[in-house]
Amino acid sequence: MITGKLTSKAQTTIPLAVRTALRLKEGDTIAYAIEGDRVILTRAAAPQDDPFACFDEWAGEADSKAYAGF
């Protein structure tokens, strides 16, 4: 188990092993999910600049190959 300390300002440092496992770097956004008495820390999805990124109908491998040249 990896542990850390909370400062008087309610701040903590994310340990290197956790940052490495989540591939976190400066400026990344992290997300917290509370499940009972546990908190799940995850790397938040990067914002998409592509306005059509939410359309996953064409996200299959066949479509990727078919439209690779565009």
Protein backbone atom coordinates (compact mmCIF):
# COMPACT_ATOMS: atom_id res chain seq x y z
CA MET A 1 0.00 0.00 0.00
CA ILE A 2 1.22 3.49 -0.84
CA THR A 3 0.55 6.19 1.74
CA GLY A 4 0.93 9.96 2.01
CA LYS A 5 0.27 12.77 4.46
CA LEU A 6 -2.27 15.57 4.43
CA THR A 7 -0.97 19.08 5.17
CA SER A 8 -2.67 21.66 7.36
CA LYS A 9 -4.04 23.17 4.12
CA ALA A 10 -5.63 19.82 3.13
CA GLN A 11 -3.03 19.26 0.40
CA THR A 12 -1.10 16.13 -0.44
CA THR A 13 1.49 15.02 -2.96
CA ILE A 14 0.55 12.21 -5.31
CA PRO A 15 3.33 9.65 -4.86
CA LEU A 16 5.62 8.97 -7.82
CA ALA A 17 4.46 5.37 -8.14
CA VAL A 18 0.85 6.55 -8.52
CA ARG A 19 1.77 9.33 -10.97
CA THR A 20 3.72 6.82 -13.03
CA ALA A 21 0.93 4.22 -13.00
CA LEU A 22 -1.64 6.83 -14.13
CA ARG A 23 0.82 8.51 -16.54
CA LEU A 24 0.16 11.86 -14.85
CA LYS A 25 2.10 14.96 -15.75
CA GLU A 26 1.94 18.61 -14.78
CA GLY A 27 -1.34 20.19 -15.81
CA ASP A 28 -3.29 16.92 -16.04
CA THR A 29 -6.73 16.77 -14.46
CA ILE A 30 -7.51 14.05 -11.98
CA ALA A 31 -10.92 12.74 -10.96
CA TYR A 32 -12.11 11.39 -7.64
CA ALA A 33 -14.90 8.84 -7.23
CA ILE A 34 -16.19 8.14 -3.72
CA GLU A 35 -17.35 4.56 -3.17
CA GLY A 36 -18.34 3.94 0.43
CA ASP A 37 -15.25 4.59 2.56
CA ARG A 38 -12.88 4.52 -0.44
CA VAL A 39 -11.82 7.14 -2.93
CA ILE A 40 -10.81 6.09 -6.44
CA LEU A 41 -8.29 8.44 -8.05
CA THR A 42 -8.15 8.36 -11.85
CA ARG A 43 -6.64 10.37 -14.63
CA ALA A 44 -9.49 12.43 -16.11
CA ALA A 45 -10.03 12.25 -19.84
CA ALA A 46 -8.39 15.07 -21.75
CA PRO A 47 -10.81 17.57 -23.21
CA GLN A 48 -11.49 16.96 -26.87
CA ASP A 49 -10.91 19.72 -29.40
CA ASP A 50 -12.77 17.66 -31.99
CA PRO A 51 -16.47 18.60 -31.86
CA PHE A 52 -17.34 15.25 -33.44
CA ALA A 53 -15.39 13.15 -30.92
CA CYS A 54 -18.59 12.28 -29.06
CA PHE A 55 -19.94 10.45 -32.12
CA ASP A 56 -18.70 6.91 -31.63
CA GLU A 57 -20.79 5.30 -34.37
CA TRP A 58 -17.78 5.36 -36.68
CA ALA A 59 -15.15 4.47 -34.10
CA GLY A 60 -14.65 0.88 -35.25
CA GLU A 61 -11.51 -0.59 -36.76
CA ALA A 62 -13.15 -0.96 -40.20
CA ASP A 63 -14.07 2.72 -40.25
CA SER A 64 -10.58 3.73 -39.11
CA LYS A 65 -9.09 1.81 -42.04
CA ALA A 66 -11.67 3.08 -44.54
CA TYR A 67 -11.16 6.73 -43.64
CA ALA A 68 -7.43 6.63 -42.84
CA GLY A 69 -6.53 8.79 -45.83
CA PHE A 70 -8.88 11.66 -45.00
